[in-house]
Amino acid sequence: MHYNQKVGRFGEKLAREYLVKRGYEILNANIKTNYQEIDIVAAKDKELVFVEVKTRTSCRFGEADESVFFNKTKNLRRAVGLYLRQADKKTKYDDIRLDLIAINIDRTNKNAKIKHYKSIA
């Protein structure tokens, strides 16, 4: 596994822990579709939540939340639609949303700053 993949997996682990501490139930992770990988599928309060996780260990190319652009969200929406058609999960939930969890890791101080953006698309 390459360094970036390890960082990404670590960020996804932090994001799952963050969500669980806030009352979310993790339903699935790393769902591959034709368009995009869905990092986390979670549920809370009758909402089905799809979460894109972005992790950075350096600000050299910008912060984690600066890396999600229009095309990325468009592909994520398409992936969510495909997942919903295949899994037939719509009827169980009152609302569906797409969130972003941006994680900036400070390797020097060994901590992570987590930002949770709800309903990004």
N, C-alpha and C. Protein backbone atom coordinates (compact mmCIF):
# COMPACT_ATOMS: atom_id res chain seq x y z
N MET A 1 0.84 -1.17 0.00
CA MET A 1 0.00 0.00 0.00
C MET A 1 0.90 1.24 0.00
N HIS A 2 0.58 2.19 -0.87
CA HIS A 2 1.35 3.42 -0.97
C HIS A 2 1.05 4.35 0.20
N TYR A 3 1.93 5.31 0.41
CA TYR A 3 1.81 6.26 1.51
C TYR A 3 0.46 6.99 1.49
N ASN A 4 0.06 7.50 0.32
CA ASN A 4 -1.21 8.22 0.23
C ASN A 4 -2.40 7.34 0.59
N GLN A 5 -2.33 6.06 0.21
CA GLN A 5 -3.40 5.13 0.55
C GLN A 5 -3.45 4.91 2.07
N LYS A 6 -2.28 4.80 2.68
CA LYS A 6 -2.23 4.63 4.13
C LYS A 6 -2.81 5.85 4.85
N VAL A 7 -2.45 7.03 4.37
CA VAL A 7 -2.98 8.26 4.95
C VAL A 7 -4.51 8.30 4.79
N GLY A 8 -4.98 7.95 3.60
CA GLY A 8 -6.42 7.93 3.34
C GLY A 8 -7.16 6.95 4.24
N ARG A 9 -6.63 5.77 4.39
CA ARG A 9 -7.26 4.75 5.26
C ARG A 9 -7.26 5.21 6.72
N PHE A 10 -6.16 5.83 7.14
CA PHE A 10 -6.10 6.35 8.50
C PHE A 10 -7.14 7.45 8.71
N GLY A 11 -7.26 8.34 7.73
CA GLY A 11 -8.26 9.40 7.80
C GLY A 11 -9.67 8.83 7.86
N GLU A 12 -9.95 7.81 7.09
CA GLU A 12 -11.27 7.17 7.11
C GLU A 12 -11.55 6.54 8.47
N LYS A 13 -10.54 5.97 9.08
CA LYS A 13 -10.69 5.40 10.42
C LYS A 13 -11.03 6.51 11.42
N LEU A 14 -10.31 7.62 11.36
CA LEU A 14 -10.60 8.75 12.24
C LEU A 14 -12.02 9.28 12.01
N ALA A 15 -12.43 9.34 10.75
CA ALA A 15 -13.77 9.83 10.42
C ALA A 15 -14.85 8.90 10.97
N ARG A 16 -14.65 7.60 10.85
CA ARG A 16 -15.63 6.64 11.41
C ARG A 16 -15.73 6.81 12.92
N GLU A 17 -14.58 6.94 13.59
CA GLU A 17 -14.59 7.13 15.05
C GLU A 17 -15.30 8.43 15.42
N TYR A 18 -15.03 9.48 14.67
CA TYR A 18 -15.66 10.78 14.89
C TYR A 18 -17.19 10.66 14.78
N LEU A 19 -17.65 9.98 13.73
CA LEU A 19 -19.08 9.84 13.51
C LEU A 19 -19.74 9.00 14.60
N VAL A 20 -19.12 7.90 14.97
CA VAL A 20 -19.68 7.02 16.01
C VAL A 20 -19.82 7.79 17.33
N LYS A 21 -18.82 8.59 17.67
CA LYS A 21 -18.88 9.37 18.91
C LYS A 21 -20.03 10.37 18.89
N ARG A 22 -20.49 10.73 17.70
CA ARG A 22 -21.58 11.70 17.57
C ARG A 22 -22.92 11.04 17.28
N GLY A 23 -22.99 9.73 17.49
CA GLY A 23 -24.26 9.02 17.40
C GLY A 23 -24.62 8.45 16.04
N TYR A 24 -23.69 8.45 15.11
CA TYR A 24 -23.96 7.85 13.80
C TYR A 24 -23.71 6.35 13.87
N GLU A 25 -24.47 5.61 13.09
CA GLU A 25 -24.24 4.18 12.93
C GLU A 25 -23.56 3.98 11.57
N ILE A 26 -22.41 3.36 11.56
CA ILE A 26 -21.70 3.10 10.30
C ILE A 26 -22.34 1.87 9.65
N LEU A 27 -22.86 2.05 8.45
CA LEU A 27 -23.52 0.97 7.74
C LEU A 27 -22.60 0.26 6.76
N ASN A 28 -21.70 1.04 6.16
CA ASN A 28 -20.82 0.48 5.14
C ASN A 28 -19.66 1.43 4.91
N ALA A 29 -18.62 0.92 4.27
CA ALA A 29 -17.46 1.76 3.96
C ALA A 29 -16.79 1.27 2.69
N ASN A 30 -16.15 2.18 2.01
CA ASN A 30 -15.38 1.89 0.80
C ASN A 30 -16.18 1.14 -0.26
N ILE A 31 -17.32 1.71 -0.62
CA ILE A 31 -18.19 1.15 -1.64
C ILE A 31 -17.70 1.64 -3.00
N LYS A 32 -17.35 0.72 -3.87
CA LYS A 32 -16.88 1.10 -5.19
C LYS A 32 -18.05 1.05 -6.18
N THR A 33 -18.19 2.14 -6.94
CA THR A 33 -19.18 2.19 -8.01
C THR A 33 -18.45 2.55 -9.30
N ASN A 34 -19.20 2.65 -10.37
CA ASN A 34 -18.58 3.02 -11.65
C ASN A 34 -18.02 4.43 -11.63
N TYR A 35 -18.58 5.30 -10.81
CA TYR A 35 -18.24 6.71 -10.84
C TYR A 35 -17.19 7.10 -9.81
N GLN A 36 -17.29 6.52 -8.62
CA GLN A 36 -16.54 7.03 -7.48
C GLN A 36 -16.61 6.03 -6.35
N GLU A 37 -15.66 6.08 -5.46
CA GLU A 37 -15.76 5.28 -4.24
C GLU A 37 -16.48 6.11 -3.18
N ILE A 38 -17.45 5.49 -2.52
CA ILE A 38 -18.14 6.13 -1.41
C ILE A 38 -17.38 5.70 -0.16
N ASP A 39 -16.82 6.67 0.56
CA ASP A 39 -15.96 6.34 1.69
C ASP A 39 -16.74 5.75 2.86
N ILE A 40 -17.83 6.40 3.26
CA ILE A 40 -18.59 5.93 4.43
C ILE A 40 -20.08 6.11 4.15
N VAL A 41 -20.86 5.10 4.52
CA VAL A 41 -22.31 5.20 4.53
C VAL A 41 -22.72 5.05 5.98
N ALA A 42 -23.45 6.04 6.49
CA ALA A 42 -23.84 6.05 7.90
C ALA A 42 -25.31 6.44 8.03
N ALA A 43 -25.85 6.25 9.23
CA ALA A 43 -27.23 6.63 9.50
C ALA A 43 -27.30 7.31 10.86
N LYS A 44 -28.20 8.31 10.92
CA LYS A 44 -28.46 8.98 12.19
C LYS A 44 -29.82 9.66 12.09
N ASP A 45 -30.65 9.45 13.08
CA ASP A 45 -31.94 10.12 13.16
C ASP A 45 -32.74 10.03 11.86
N LYS A 46 -32.90 8.84 11.35
CA LYS A 46 -33.67 8.58 10.12
C LYS A 46 -33.08 9.26 8.88
N GLU A 47 -31.80 9.63 8.95
CA GLU A 47 -31.11 10.17 7.78
C GLU A 47 -30.05 9.16 7.32
N LEU A 48 -29.97 8.97 6.02
CA LEU A 48 -28.92 8.17 5.43
C LEU A 48 -27.86 9.15 4.96
N VAL A 49 -26.63 8.98 5.45
CA VAL A 49 -25.58 9.96 5.21
C VAL A 49 -24.41 9.30 4.47
N PHE A 50 -24.06 9.87 3.34
CA PHE A 50 -22.91 9.43 2.57
C PHE A 50 -21.79 10.42 2.86
N VAL A 51 -20.62 9.90 3.22
CA VAL A 51 -19.54 10.77 3.68
C VAL A 51 -18.31 10.59 2.80
N GLU A 52 -17.85 11.70 2.24
CA GLU A 52 -16.57 11.76 1.54
C GLU A 52 -15.53 12.20 2.56
N VAL A 53 -14.43 11.48 2.64
CA VAL A 53 -13.38 11.81 3.59
C VAL A 53 -12.14 12.26 2.82
N LYS A 54 -11.63 13.42 3.18
CA LYS A 54 -10.39 13.93 2.59
C LYS A 54 -9.39 14.15 3.71
N THR A 55 -8.20 13.60 3.53
CA THR A 55 -7.17 13.69 4.56
C THR A 55 -5.89 14.28 3.96
N ARG A 56 -5.30 15.20 4.69
CA ARG A 56 -4.04 15.81 4.27
C ARG A 56 -3.05 15.77 5.43
N THR A 57 -1.78 15.57 5.10
CA THR A 57 -0.71 15.64 6.10
C THR A 57 0.17 16.86 5.85
N SER A 58 -0.20 17.65 4.84
CA SER A 58 0.56 18.84 4.50
C SER A 58 -0.37 19.85 3.85
N CYS A 59 -0.08 21.11 4.02
CA CYS A 59 -0.88 22.16 3.37
C CYS A 59 -0.27 22.57 2.03
N ARG A 60 0.72 21.84 1.59
CA ARG A 60 1.43 22.17 0.36
C ARG A 60 0.49 22.33 -0.83
N PHE A 61 -0.53 21.48 -0.90
CA PHE A 61 -1.51 21.56 -1.99
C PHE A 61 -2.87 22.05 -1.48
N GLY A 62 -2.87 22.72 -0.35
CA GLY A 62 -4.11 23.22 0.23
C GLY A 62 -4.60 22.31 1.34
N GLU A 63 -5.57 22.80 2.08
CA GLU A 63 -6.16 22.03 3.17
C GLU A 63 -7.09 20.96 2.59
N ALA A 64 -7.44 19.99 3.40
CA ALA A 64 -8.25 18.86 2.93
C ALA A 64 -9.58 19.31 2.34
N ASP A 65 -10.24 20.28 2.97
CA ASP A 65 -11.54 20.69 2.48
C ASP A 65 -11.48 21.49 1.18
N GLU A 66 -10.31 21.93 0.79
CA GLU A 66 -10.15 22.67 -0.45
C GLU A 66 -10.00 21.75 -1.66
N SER A 67 -9.99 20.45 -1.43
CA SER A 67 -9.74 19.52 -2.53
C SER A 67 -11.01 18.92 -3.14
N VAL A 68 -12.17 19.33 -2.66
CA VAL A 68 -13.43 18.80 -3.20
C VAL A 68 -14.02 19.85 -4.14
N PHE A 69 -14.07 19.52 -5.41
CA PHE A 69 -14.53 20.43 -6.45
C PHE A 69 -15.87 19.98 -7.02
N PHE A 70 -16.42 20.77 -7.92
CA PHE A 70 -17.73 20.48 -8.53
C PHE A 70 -17.78 19.09 -9.16
N ASN A 71 -16.76 18.73 -9.96
CA ASN A 71 -16.77 17.42 -10.62
C ASN A 71 -16.77 16.29 -9.60
N LYS A 72 -16.06 16.47 -8.51
CA LYS A 72 -16.01 15.45 -7.46
C LYS A 72 -17.40 15.26 -6.86
N THR A 73 -18.08 16.34 -6.53
CA THR A 73 -19.41 16.22 -5.94
C THR A 73 -20.42 15.67 -6.95
N LYS A 74 -20.26 16.03 -8.22
CA LYS A 74 -21.14 15.50 -9.26
C LYS A 74 -20.99 13.98 -9.35
N ASN A 75 -19.75 13.51 -9.36
CA ASN A 75 -19.51 12.07 -9.41
C ASN A 75 -19.99 11.37 -8.14
N LEU A 76 -19.84 12.01 -7.00
CA LEU A 76 -20.33 11.43 -5.76
C LEU A 76 -21.85 11.31 -5.77
N ARG A 77 -22.55 12.33 -6.28
CA ARG A 77 -24.01 12.26 -6.37
C ARG A 77 -24.44 11.10 -7.27
N ARG A 78 -23.74 10.92 -8.36
CA ARG A 78 -24.05 9.80 -9.26
C ARG A 78 -23.80 8.46 -8.56
N ALA A 79 -22.70 8.37 -7.82
CA ALA A 79 -22.39 7.14 -7.09
C ALA A 79 -23.45 6.85 -6.03
N VAL A 80 -23.90 7.89 -5.34
CA VAL A 80 -24.94 7.72 -4.32
C VAL A 80 -26.23 7.22 -4.98
N GLY A 81 -26.59 7.81 -6.11
CA GLY A 81 -27.78 7.36 -6.83
C GLY A 81 -27.70 5.90 -7.22
N LEU A 82 -26.55 5.48 -7.72
CA LEU A 82 -26.35 4.08 -8.09
C LEU A 82 -26.44 3.18 -6.86
N TYR A 83 -25.81 3.58 -5.78
CA TYR A 83 -25.86 2.80 -4.53
C TYR A 83 -27.31 2.65 -4.06
N LEU A 84 -28.07 3.74 -4.10
CA LEU A 84 -29.45 3.69 -3.63
C LEU A 84 -30.31 2.77 -4.50
N ARG A 85 -30.10 2.81 -5.80
CA ARG A 85 -30.85 1.92 -6.70
C ARG A 85 -30.51 0.47 -6.43
N GLN A 86 -29.24 0.17 -6.22
CA GLN A 86 -28.82 -1.21 -6.00
C GLN A 86 -29.20 -1.72 -4.61
N ALA A 87 -29.11 -0.86 -3.61
CA ALA A 87 -29.33 -1.29 -2.23
C ALA A 87 -30.78 -1.12 -1.79
N ASP A 88 -31.59 -0.36 -2.54
CA ASP A 88 -32.98 -0.10 -2.21
C ASP A 88 -33.12 0.36 -0.76
N LYS A 89 -32.37 1.39 -0.39
CA LYS A 89 -32.34 1.90 0.98
C LYS A 89 -33.21 3.15 1.17
N LYS A 90 -33.74 3.72 0.10
CA LYS A 90 -34.46 4.98 0.18
C LYS A 90 -35.65 4.94 1.14
N THR A 91 -36.40 3.87 1.10
CA THR A 91 -37.66 3.82 1.84
C THR A 91 -37.48 3.81 3.35
N LYS A 92 -36.36 3.38 3.84
CA LYS A 92 -36.13 3.27 5.28
C LYS A 92 -35.79 4.60 5.94
N TYR A 93 -35.40 5.59 5.16
CA TYR A 93 -34.89 6.85 5.71
C TYR A 93 -35.75 8.03 5.24
N ASP A 94 -35.89 9.02 6.11
CA ASP A 94 -36.66 10.22 5.78
C ASP A 94 -35.87 11.18 4.91
N ASP A 95 -34.55 11.18 5.04
CA ASP A 95 -33.72 12.12 4.29
C ASP A 95 -32.39 11.46 3.94
N ILE A 96 -31.79 11.98 2.88
CA ILE A 96 -30.50 11.49 2.40
C ILE A 96 -29.62 12.71 2.19
N ARG A 97 -28.36 12.62 2.62
CA ARG A 97 -27.47 13.76 2.40
C ARG A 97 -26.05 13.28 2.14
N LEU A 98 -25.27 14.19 1.57
CA LEU A 98 -23.85 13.94 1.27
C LEU A 98 -23.03 14.92 2.09
N ASP A 99 -22.14 14.38 2.92
CA ASP A 99 -21.30 15.18 3.81
C ASP A 99 -19.83 15.05 3.41
N LEU A 100 -19.04 15.98 3.90
CA LEU A 100 -17.59 15.94 3.76
C LEU A 100 -16.96 16.00 5.14
N ILE A 101 -16.04 15.10 5.40
CA ILE A 101 -15.20 15.20 6.58
C ILE A 101 -13.79 15.46 6.10
N ALA A 102 -13.26 16.61 6.47
CA ALA A 102 -11.92 17.03 6.08
C ALA A 102 -11.00 16.89 7.29
N ILE A 103 -9.91 16.18 7.09
CA ILE A 103 -8.97 15.92 8.18
C ILE A 103 -7.59 16.44 7.79
N ASN A 104 -7.07 17.34 8.60
CA ASN A 104 -5.72 17.86 8.41
C ASN A 104 -4.86 17.33 9.56
N ILE A 105 -3.89 16.52 9.23
CA ILE A 105 -3.03 15.88 10.23
C ILE A 105 -1.75 16.68 10.39
N ASP A 106 -1.45 17.01 11.62
CA ASP A 106 -0.19 17.68 11.97
C ASP A 106 0.75 16.59 12.48
N ARG A 107 1.67 16.17 11.62
CA ARG A 107 2.58 15.08 11.98
C ARG A 107 3.54 15.48 13.08
N THR A 108 3.91 16.75 13.15
CA THR A 108 4.85 17.22 14.16
C THR A 108 4.24 17.12 15.56
N ASN A 109 3.02 17.63 15.71
CA ASN A 109 2.36 17.62 17.02
C ASN A 109 1.51 16.38 17.25
N LYS A 110 1.44 15.53 16.24
CA LYS A 110 0.70 14.26 16.31
C LYS A 110 -0.75 14.48 16.74
N ASN A 111 -1.43 15.36 15.97
CA ASN A 111 -2.86 15.54 16.19
C ASN A 111 -3.55 15.76 14.86
N ALA A 112 -4.86 15.69 14.90
CA ALA A 112 -5.65 15.86 13.68
C ALA A 112 -6.76 16.86 13.93
N LYS A 113 -6.96 17.73 12.96
CA LYS A 113 -8.06 18.69 13.01
C LYS A 113 -9.14 18.17 12.07
N ILE A 114 -10.33 17.94 12.61
CA ILE A 114 -11.43 17.36 11.83
C ILE A 114 -12.52 18.40 11.66
N LYS A 115 -12.93 18.60 10.40
CA LYS A 115 -14.05 19.49 10.08
C LYS A 115 -15.13 18.65 9.40
N HIS A 116 -16.37 18.83 9.85
CA HIS A 116 -17.50 18.08 9.29
C HIS A 116 -18.44 19.06 8.60
N TYR A 117 -18.55 18.93 7.28
CA TYR A 117 -19.44 19.77 6.48
C TYR A 117 -20.65 18.93 6.10
N LYS A 118 -21.84 19.38 6.47
CA LYS A 118 -23.06 18.63 6.19
C LYS A 118 -23.71 19.16 4.91
N SER A 119 -24.30 18.24 4.16
CA SER A 119 -25.06 18.57 2.94
C SER A 119 -24.25 19.40 1.94
N ILE A 120 -23.16 18.81 1.44
CA ILE A 120 -22.30 19.55 0.51
C ILE A 120 -22.84 19.54 -0.92
N ALA A 121 -23.76 18.66 -1.23
CA ALA A 121 -24.31 18.59 -2.60
C ALA A 121 -25.76 18.18 -2.57
